[in-house]
């Protein structure tokens, strides 16, 4: 299954990018994870910037993709819940799952309206560049749960 992480902002290398690449590179068995970055460089007022970032994110979503918007107000899943969700998507014939990470002001209403699922990584606020490797690790963990790989030892 093709997973896409579509995020506002450009990574400039560093440990977060290396960690993302490490976990994305571990995926096997038909799973892959690709990062697509979007950026609005014009100095727009907050609401206009959020709307523009939302449009840039949605423009990167492939036709027919299952969309998961990462948002603090979303569902709080365990790693097992994510694995079950991804398994259901695979079994339903979903070709691509797009995970969307908004800008500093969050997601535009259009993004949340388009999302099939809104997912929270917890009550804490995380830097957007750190969310990328965290999600990559959780997708690798979901793959390991699904594959019966010993990486996941949670319960």
N, C-alpha and C. Protein backbone atom coordinates (compact mmCIF):
# COMPACT_ATOMS: atom_id res chain seq x y z
N UNK A 1 0.84 -1.17 0.00
CA UNK A 1 0.00 0.00 0.00
C UNK A 1 0.89 1.23 0.00
N UNK A 2 0.54 2.17 -0.83
CA UNK A 2 1.29 3.41 -0.89
C UNK A 2 0.77 4.36 0.18
N UNK A 3 1.67 4.78 1.05
CA UNK A 3 1.36 5.79 2.05
C UNK A 3 2.08 7.07 1.66
N UNK A 4 1.37 8.16 1.77
CA UNK A 4 1.95 9.47 1.48
C UNK A 4 1.84 10.32 2.73
N UNK A 5 2.90 10.99 3.07
CA UNK A 5 2.87 12.00 4.12
C UNK A 5 3.00 13.32 3.39
N UNK A 6 1.91 14.07 3.37
CA UNK A 6 1.88 15.35 2.68
C UNK A 6 1.87 16.43 3.76
N UNK A 7 2.92 17.23 3.79
CA UNK A 7 3.13 18.14 4.92
C UNK A 7 3.45 19.55 4.46
N UNK A 8 2.97 20.51 5.24
CA UNK A 8 3.33 21.90 5.03
C UNK A 8 4.72 22.11 5.62
N UNK A 9 5.57 22.77 4.86
CA UNK A 9 6.92 23.08 5.33
C UNK A 9 7.96 22.20 4.68
N UNK A 10 9.16 22.72 4.61
CA UNK A 10 10.27 22.00 3.99
C UNK A 10 11.27 21.57 5.06
N UNK A 11 11.58 20.28 5.07
CA UNK A 11 12.61 19.77 5.97
C UNK A 11 13.97 20.21 5.42
N UNK A 12 14.84 20.58 6.29
CA UNK A 12 16.16 21.05 5.89
C UNK A 12 17.24 20.05 6.31
N UNK A 13 16.91 18.79 6.25
CA UNK A 13 17.87 17.78 6.71
C UNK A 13 17.82 17.67 8.22
N UNK A 14 18.84 17.14 8.81
CA UNK A 14 18.91 17.03 10.26
C UNK A 14 18.41 15.70 10.76
N UNK A 15 18.42 15.52 12.07
CA UNK A 15 18.07 14.23 12.65
C UNK A 15 16.62 13.81 12.40
N UNK A 16 15.70 14.75 12.35
CA UNK A 16 14.31 14.39 12.11
C UNK A 16 14.13 13.78 10.73
N UNK A 17 14.76 14.39 9.72
CA UNK A 17 14.67 13.86 8.35
C UNK A 17 15.35 12.50 8.26
N UNK A 18 16.48 12.34 8.92
CA UNK A 18 17.19 11.06 8.90
C UNK A 18 16.35 9.97 9.54
N UNK A 19 15.68 10.30 10.64
CA UNK A 19 14.84 9.32 11.32
C UNK A 19 13.63 8.95 10.47
N UNK A 20 13.02 9.94 9.82
CA UNK A 20 11.92 9.66 8.90
C UNK A 20 12.39 8.68 7.83
N UNK A 21 13.52 8.98 7.21
CA UNK A 21 14.04 8.12 6.14
C UNK A 21 14.33 6.70 6.65
N UNK A 22 14.83 6.60 7.88
CA UNK A 22 15.15 5.28 8.43
C UNK A 22 13.90 4.43 8.58
N UNK A 23 12.84 5.00 9.14
CA UNK A 23 11.61 4.21 9.32
C UNK A 23 10.90 3.97 7.99
N UNK A 24 10.86 4.96 7.14
CA UNK A 24 10.22 4.77 5.83
C UNK A 24 10.94 3.68 5.05
N UNK A 25 12.24 3.61 5.19
CA UNK A 25 13.02 2.61 4.48
C UNK A 25 12.85 1.19 4.99
N UNK A 26 12.29 1.04 6.17
CA UNK A 26 12.07 -0.30 6.74
C UNK A 26 10.80 -0.97 6.24
N UNK A 27 9.90 -0.20 5.67
CA UNK A 27 8.62 -0.77 5.23
C UNK A 27 8.84 -1.78 4.12
N UNK A 28 8.11 -2.88 4.19
CA UNK A 28 8.22 -3.97 3.23
C UNK A 28 6.81 -4.49 2.90
N UNK A 29 6.77 -5.56 2.17
CA UNK A 29 5.52 -6.26 1.91
C UNK A 29 4.48 -5.44 1.19
N UNK A 30 4.93 -4.64 0.22
CA UNK A 30 3.98 -3.84 -0.54
C UNK A 30 3.65 -2.49 0.08
N UNK A 31 4.22 -2.19 1.24
CA UNK A 31 4.02 -0.89 1.87
C UNK A 31 5.16 0.04 1.46
N UNK A 32 4.83 1.29 1.24
CA UNK A 32 5.85 2.31 1.01
C UNK A 32 5.37 3.62 1.62
N UNK A 33 6.32 4.50 1.91
CA UNK A 33 5.99 5.81 2.47
C UNK A 33 6.80 6.86 1.74
N UNK A 34 6.09 7.82 1.17
CA UNK A 34 6.71 8.91 0.42
C UNK A 34 6.32 10.23 1.08
N UNK A 35 7.28 11.13 1.17
CA UNK A 35 7.04 12.47 1.72
C UNK A 35 6.85 13.45 0.57
N UNK A 36 5.78 14.21 0.64
CA UNK A 36 5.55 15.32 -0.28
C UNK A 36 5.42 16.58 0.57
N UNK A 37 6.20 17.58 0.25
CA UNK A 37 6.18 18.82 1.03
C UNK A 37 5.60 19.95 0.19
N UNK A 38 4.82 20.79 0.84
CA UNK A 38 4.26 21.97 0.20
C UNK A 38 4.61 23.18 1.06
N UNK A 39 4.66 24.32 0.41
CA UNK A 39 5.04 25.52 1.16
C UNK A 39 4.46 26.74 0.49
N UNK A 40 3.89 27.60 1.28
CA UNK A 40 3.41 28.91 0.81
C UNK A 40 4.40 29.94 1.34
N UNK A 41 5.08 30.61 0.44
CA UNK A 41 6.13 31.56 0.85
C UNK A 41 5.63 33.00 0.96
N UNK A 42 4.47 33.26 0.39
CA UNK A 42 3.97 34.64 0.46
C UNK A 42 3.54 34.97 1.88
N UNK A 43 3.78 36.20 2.33
CA UNK A 43 3.36 36.60 3.68
C UNK A 43 1.86 36.91 3.71
N UNK A 44 1.05 35.90 3.93
CA UNK A 44 -0.40 36.06 3.94
C UNK A 44 -0.89 36.15 5.38
N UNK A 45 -2.03 36.82 5.60
CA UNK A 45 -2.64 36.81 6.92
C UNK A 45 -3.02 35.38 7.32
N UNK A 46 -3.06 35.09 8.62
CA UNK A 46 -3.31 33.75 9.14
C UNK A 46 -4.39 32.95 8.44
N UNK A 47 -5.63 33.44 8.38
CA UNK A 47 -6.70 32.67 7.74
C UNK A 47 -6.44 32.41 6.24
N UNK A 48 -5.89 33.40 5.54
CA UNK A 48 -5.58 33.22 4.12
C UNK A 48 -4.46 32.21 3.93
N UNK A 49 -3.48 32.25 4.81
CA UNK A 49 -2.36 31.31 4.75
C UNK A 49 -2.88 29.88 4.97
N UNK A 50 -3.74 29.70 5.98
CA UNK A 50 -4.28 28.38 6.26
C UNK A 50 -5.08 27.86 5.06
N UNK A 51 -5.88 28.71 4.45
CA UNK A 51 -6.66 28.31 3.28
C UNK A 51 -5.73 27.92 2.14
N UNK A 52 -4.70 28.70 1.90
CA UNK A 52 -3.76 28.42 0.82
C UNK A 52 -3.00 27.12 1.09
N UNK A 53 -2.54 26.92 2.32
CA UNK A 53 -1.84 25.69 2.67
C UNK A 53 -2.76 24.48 2.49
N UNK A 54 -4.02 24.65 2.87
CA UNK A 54 -4.98 23.58 2.67
C UNK A 54 -5.14 23.20 1.21
N UNK A 55 -5.20 24.20 0.35
CA UNK A 55 -5.32 23.94 -1.09
C UNK A 55 -4.07 23.22 -1.59
N UNK A 56 -2.89 23.65 -1.15
CA UNK A 56 -1.64 23.01 -1.58
C UNK A 56 -1.61 21.54 -1.13
N UNK A 57 -2.06 21.27 0.11
CA UNK A 57 -2.11 19.89 0.59
C UNK A 57 -3.05 19.05 -0.26
N UNK A 58 -4.26 19.54 -0.44
CA UNK A 58 -5.28 18.77 -1.19
C UNK A 58 -4.88 18.55 -2.64
N UNK A 59 -4.14 19.49 -3.22
CA UNK A 59 -3.69 19.32 -4.60
C UNK A 59 -2.71 18.16 -4.74
N UNK A 60 -2.08 17.73 -3.66
CA UNK A 60 -1.12 16.63 -3.69
C UNK A 60 -1.75 15.27 -3.42
N UNK A 61 -3.02 15.25 -3.05
CA UNK A 61 -3.70 13.99 -2.74
C UNK A 61 -4.08 13.30 -4.04
N UNK A 62 -3.64 12.06 -4.25
CA UNK A 62 -4.02 11.35 -5.48
C UNK A 62 -5.52 11.06 -5.52
N UNK A 63 -6.06 10.97 -6.71
CA UNK A 63 -7.46 10.61 -6.88
C UNK A 63 -7.72 9.27 -6.20
N UNK A 64 -8.81 9.19 -5.48
CA UNK A 64 -9.21 7.95 -4.84
C UNK A 64 -8.48 7.61 -3.56
N UNK A 65 -7.58 8.48 -3.11
CA UNK A 65 -6.83 8.19 -1.89
C UNK A 65 -7.72 8.30 -0.66
N UNK A 66 -7.39 7.51 0.32
CA UNK A 66 -8.01 7.60 1.65
C UNK A 66 -7.22 8.67 2.39
N UNK A 67 -7.89 9.68 2.93
CA UNK A 67 -7.21 10.83 3.53
C UNK A 67 -7.34 10.81 5.04
N UNK A 68 -6.20 10.91 5.71
CA UNK A 68 -6.12 11.00 7.16
C UNK A 68 -5.48 12.34 7.50
N UNK A 69 -6.25 13.23 8.11
CA UNK A 69 -5.72 14.53 8.53
C UNK A 69 -5.24 14.43 9.97
N UNK A 70 -4.00 14.79 10.21
CA UNK A 70 -3.47 14.80 11.57
C UNK A 70 -3.87 16.12 12.22
N UNK A 71 -4.60 16.02 13.32
CA UNK A 71 -5.17 17.20 13.96
C UNK A 71 -5.36 16.90 15.44
N UNK A 72 -5.04 17.85 16.28
CA UNK A 72 -5.15 17.65 17.73
C UNK A 72 -6.55 17.26 18.20
N UNK A 73 -7.57 17.61 17.45
CA UNK A 73 -8.93 17.28 17.84
C UNK A 73 -9.42 15.95 17.28
N UNK A 74 -8.52 15.20 16.65
CA UNK A 74 -8.92 13.96 16.02
C UNK A 74 -8.99 12.78 16.97
N UNK A 75 -9.27 11.61 16.39
CA UNK A 75 -9.33 10.37 17.15
C UNK A 75 -7.95 10.04 17.71
N UNK A 76 -7.96 9.39 18.85
CA UNK A 76 -6.70 8.96 19.47
C UNK A 76 -6.65 7.45 19.39
N UNK A 77 -5.80 6.96 18.51
CA UNK A 77 -5.69 5.54 18.28
C UNK A 77 -4.45 4.97 18.93
N UNK A 78 -4.53 3.71 19.28
CA UNK A 78 -3.34 2.95 19.67
C UNK A 78 -2.63 2.52 18.39
N UNK A 79 -1.43 1.99 18.55
CA UNK A 79 -0.72 1.44 17.39
C UNK A 79 -1.51 0.30 16.77
N UNK A 80 -2.15 -0.50 17.60
CA UNK A 80 -2.97 -1.60 17.09
C UNK A 80 -4.17 -1.07 16.30
N UNK A 81 -4.76 0.03 16.76
CA UNK A 81 -5.88 0.64 16.03
C UNK A 81 -5.42 1.11 14.65
N UNK A 82 -4.25 1.73 14.59
CA UNK A 82 -3.72 2.16 13.30
C UNK A 82 -3.48 0.96 12.39
N UNK A 83 -2.91 -0.10 12.93
CA UNK A 83 -2.66 -1.31 12.14
C UNK A 83 -3.98 -1.87 11.60
N UNK A 84 -5.01 -1.92 12.44
CA UNK A 84 -6.31 -2.42 11.99
C UNK A 84 -6.90 -1.54 10.90
N UNK A 85 -6.76 -0.23 11.06
CA UNK A 85 -7.28 0.70 10.06
C UNK A 85 -6.57 0.50 8.72
N UNK A 86 -5.27 0.38 8.77
CA UNK A 86 -4.50 0.19 7.54
C UNK A 86 -4.84 -1.15 6.89
N UNK A 87 -5.06 -2.16 7.70
CA UNK A 87 -5.45 -3.47 7.17
C UNK A 87 -6.81 -3.38 6.47
N UNK A 88 -7.75 -2.66 7.09
CA UNK A 88 -9.06 -2.48 6.46
C UNK A 88 -8.93 -1.75 5.12
N UNK A 89 -8.07 -0.75 5.08
CA UNK A 89 -7.88 -0.01 3.83
C UNK A 89 -7.28 -0.92 2.76
N UNK A 90 -6.29 -1.69 3.14
CA UNK A 90 -5.67 -2.64 2.19
C UNK A 90 -6.71 -3.63 1.67
N UNK A 91 -7.48 -4.20 2.60
CA UNK A 91 -8.47 -5.21 2.22
C UNK A 91 -9.60 -4.62 1.36
N UNK A 92 -9.85 -3.34 1.51
CA UNK A 92 -10.88 -2.66 0.71
C UNK A 92 -10.35 -2.28 -0.68
N UNK A 93 -9.07 -2.53 -0.91
CA UNK A 93 -8.49 -2.21 -2.21
C UNK A 93 -7.98 -0.79 -2.34
N UNK A 94 -7.84 -0.08 -1.23
CA UNK A 94 -7.32 1.28 -1.26
C UNK A 94 -5.88 1.24 -1.75
N UNK A 95 -5.59 2.03 -2.75
CA UNK A 95 -4.23 2.06 -3.30
C UNK A 95 -3.32 3.01 -2.55
N UNK A 96 -3.88 4.11 -2.06
CA UNK A 96 -3.06 5.12 -1.40
C UNK A 96 -3.77 5.66 -0.17
N UNK A 97 -3.00 5.84 0.89
CA UNK A 97 -3.47 6.52 2.09
C UNK A 97 -2.60 7.76 2.26
N UNK A 98 -3.25 8.92 2.27
CA UNK A 98 -2.54 10.19 2.38
C UNK A 98 -2.74 10.75 3.78
N UNK A 99 -1.63 10.95 4.49
CA UNK A 99 -1.63 11.56 5.81
C UNK A 99 -1.25 13.02 5.63
N UNK A 100 -2.11 13.93 6.09
CA UNK A 100 -1.89 15.36 5.87
C UNK A 100 -1.50 16.04 7.18
N UNK A 101 -0.40 16.79 7.12
CA UNK A 101 0.10 17.57 8.27
C UNK A 101 0.02 19.03 7.87
N UNK A 102 -0.77 19.79 8.61
CA UNK A 102 -0.98 21.20 8.30
C UNK A 102 0.13 22.09 8.80
N UNK A 103 -0.07 23.37 8.60
CA UNK A 103 0.90 24.37 9.04
C UNK A 103 0.71 24.73 10.51
N UNK A 104 1.38 25.79 10.93
CA UNK A 104 1.38 26.21 12.32
C UNK A 104 -0.01 26.54 12.85
N UNK A 105 -0.90 26.96 11.97
CA UNK A 105 -2.26 27.33 12.39
C UNK A 105 -3.25 26.19 12.25
N UNK A 106 -2.79 25.02 11.84
CA UNK A 106 -3.67 23.87 11.71
C UNK A 106 -4.20 23.73 10.30
N UNK A 107 -5.24 22.91 10.18
CA UNK A 107 -5.82 22.61 8.86
C UNK A 107 -6.95 23.57 8.52
N UNK A 108 -7.05 23.87 7.25
CA UNK A 108 -8.17 24.64 6.73
C UNK A 108 -9.44 23.79 6.80
N UNK A 109 -10.60 24.41 6.94
CA UNK A 109 -11.85 23.65 6.97
C UNK A 109 -12.02 22.71 5.78
N UNK A 110 -11.55 23.10 4.59
CA UNK A 110 -11.66 22.23 3.41
C UNK A 110 -10.90 20.93 3.59
N UNK A 111 -9.75 20.99 4.26
CA UNK A 111 -8.96 19.77 4.50
C UNK A 111 -9.71 18.84 5.44
N UNK A 112 -10.22 19.40 6.53
CA UNK A 112 -10.95 18.58 7.50
C UNK A 112 -12.23 18.00 6.88
N UNK A 113 -12.85 18.76 5.99
CA UNK A 113 -14.05 18.26 5.33
C UNK A 113 -13.71 17.12 4.36
N UNK A 114 -12.55 17.16 3.73
CA UNK A 114 -12.14 16.13 2.78
C UNK A 114 -11.63 14.87 3.49
N UNK A 115 -11.16 15.01 4.71
CA UNK A 115 -10.55 13.88 5.42
C UNK A 115 -11.57 12.77 5.66
N UNK A 116 -11.13 11.54 5.43
CA UNK A 116 -11.93 10.38 5.77
C UNK A 116 -11.82 10.09 7.26
N UNK A 117 -10.69 10.44 7.83
CA UNK A 117 -10.42 10.26 9.26
C UNK A 117 -9.58 11.45 9.73
N UNK A 118 -9.88 11.93 10.93
CA UNK A 118 -9.03 12.93 11.56
C UNK A 118 -8.38 12.25 12.76
N UNK A 119 -7.05 12.28 12.79
CA UNK A 119 -6.28 11.52 13.76
C UNK A 119 -5.40 12.44 14.59
N UNK A 120 -5.40 12.22 15.90
CA UNK A 120 -4.54 12.96 16.82
C UNK A 120 -3.40 12.06 17.27
N UNK A 121 -2.22 12.63 17.40
CA UNK A 121 -1.08 11.90 17.96
C UNK A 121 -1.00 12.10 19.47
N UNK A 122 -2.04 12.65 20.06
CA UNK A 122 -2.09 12.82 21.51
C UNK A 122 -2.38 14.25 21.89
N UNK A 123 -2.52 14.47 23.18
CA UNK A 123 -2.90 15.79 23.68
C UNK A 123 -1.77 16.81 23.63
N UNK A 124 -0.54 16.33 23.55
CA UNK A 124 0.59 17.26 23.50
C UNK A 124 0.73 17.85 22.11
N UNK A 125 1.33 19.03 22.04
CA UNK A 125 1.63 19.67 20.77
C UNK A 125 3.03 19.24 20.36
N UNK A 126 3.16 18.78 19.10
CA UNK A 126 4.45 18.29 18.59
C UNK A 126 4.94 19.21 17.48
N UNK A 127 6.24 19.45 17.41
CA UNK A 127 6.78 20.21 16.27
C UNK A 127 6.48 19.46 14.98
N UNK A 128 6.10 20.18 13.95
CA UNK A 128 5.70 19.53 12.70
C UNK A 128 6.82 18.70 12.09
N UNK A 129 8.05 19.11 12.25
CA UNK A 129 9.15 18.32 11.70
C UNK A 129 9.37 17.02 12.49
N UNK A 130 8.93 16.99 13.75
CA UNK A 130 9.04 15.78 14.55
C UNK A 130 7.87 14.84 14.29
N UNK A 131 6.73 15.38 13.87
CA UNK A 131 5.56 14.55 13.55
C UNK A 131 5.89 13.59 12.41
N UNK A 132 6.71 14.02 11.49
CA UNK A 132 7.04 13.20 10.32
C UNK A 132 7.69 11.86 10.73
N UNK A 133 8.80 11.88 11.49
CA UNK A 133 9.36 10.58 11.88
C UNK A 133 8.47 9.81 12.85
N UNK A 134 7.68 10.52 13.67
CA UNK A 134 6.76 9.82 14.57
C UNK A 134 5.73 9.04 13.77
N UNK A 135 5.18 9.64 12.73
CA UNK A 135 4.20 8.95 11.91
C UNK A 135 4.87 7.81 11.14
N UNK A 136 6.07 8.04 10.62
CA UNK A 136 6.79 6.98 9.90
C UNK A 136 7.02 5.78 10.82
N UNK A 137 7.39 6.04 12.07
CA UNK A 137 7.60 4.94 13.01
C UNK A 137 6.30 4.20 13.27
N UNK A 138 5.21 4.91 13.42
CA UNK A 138 3.93 4.26 13.68
C UNK A 138 3.45 3.46 12.47
N UNK A 139 3.74 3.93 11.28
CA UNK A 139 3.39 3.14 10.09
C UNK A 139 4.25 1.88 10.02
N UNK A 140 5.52 2.01 10.36
CA UNK A 140 6.37 0.82 10.40
C UNK A 140 5.85 -0.15 11.47
N UNK A 141 5.44 0.39 12.61
CA UNK A 141 4.91 -0.45 13.68
C UNK A 141 3.61 -1.13 13.22
N UNK A 142 2.75 -0.37 12.53
CA UNK A 142 1.50 -0.95 12.01
C UNK A 142 1.81 -2.08 11.03
N UNK A 143 2.79 -1.85 10.16
CA UNK A 143 3.19 -2.92 9.24
C UNK A 143 3.69 -4.13 10.02
N UNK A 144 4.49 -3.90 11.07
CA UNK A 144 5.05 -5.03 11.83
C UNK A 144 3.95 -5.81 12.56
N UNK A 145 2.94 -5.11 13.05
CA UNK A 145 1.80 -5.78 13.68
C UNK A 145 1.08 -6.64 12.65
N UNK A 146 0.81 -6.04 11.51
CA UNK A 146 0.10 -6.75 10.45
C UNK A 146 0.89 -7.96 9.96
N UNK A 147 2.22 -7.83 9.88
CA UNK A 147 3.06 -8.90 9.34
C UNK A 147 3.47 -9.92 10.39
N UNK A 148 3.13 -9.69 11.67
CA UNK A 148 3.56 -10.59 12.72
C UNK A 148 5.05 -10.49 13.01
N UNK A 149 5.65 -9.37 12.64
CA UNK A 149 7.07 -9.10 12.86
C UNK A 149 7.30 -8.81 14.35
N UNK A 150 8.42 -9.23 14.91
CA UNK A 150 8.64 -9.04 16.35
C UNK A 150 8.92 -7.60 16.80
N UNK A 151 9.00 -6.64 15.89
CA UNK A 151 9.29 -5.25 16.29
C UNK A 151 8.31 -4.76 17.34
N UNK A 152 7.04 -5.02 17.10
CA UNK A 152 6.00 -4.52 18.03
C UNK A 152 5.81 -5.50 19.19
N UNK A 153 6.00 -5.00 20.39
CA UNK A 153 5.80 -5.84 21.57
C UNK A 153 4.79 -5.22 22.53
N UNK A 154 3.99 -4.28 22.02
CA UNK A 154 2.98 -3.64 22.85
C UNK A 154 1.85 -4.59 23.17
N UNK A 155 0.93 -4.12 23.92
CA UNK A 155 -0.16 -4.99 24.26
C UNK A 155 -1.33 -4.22 24.61
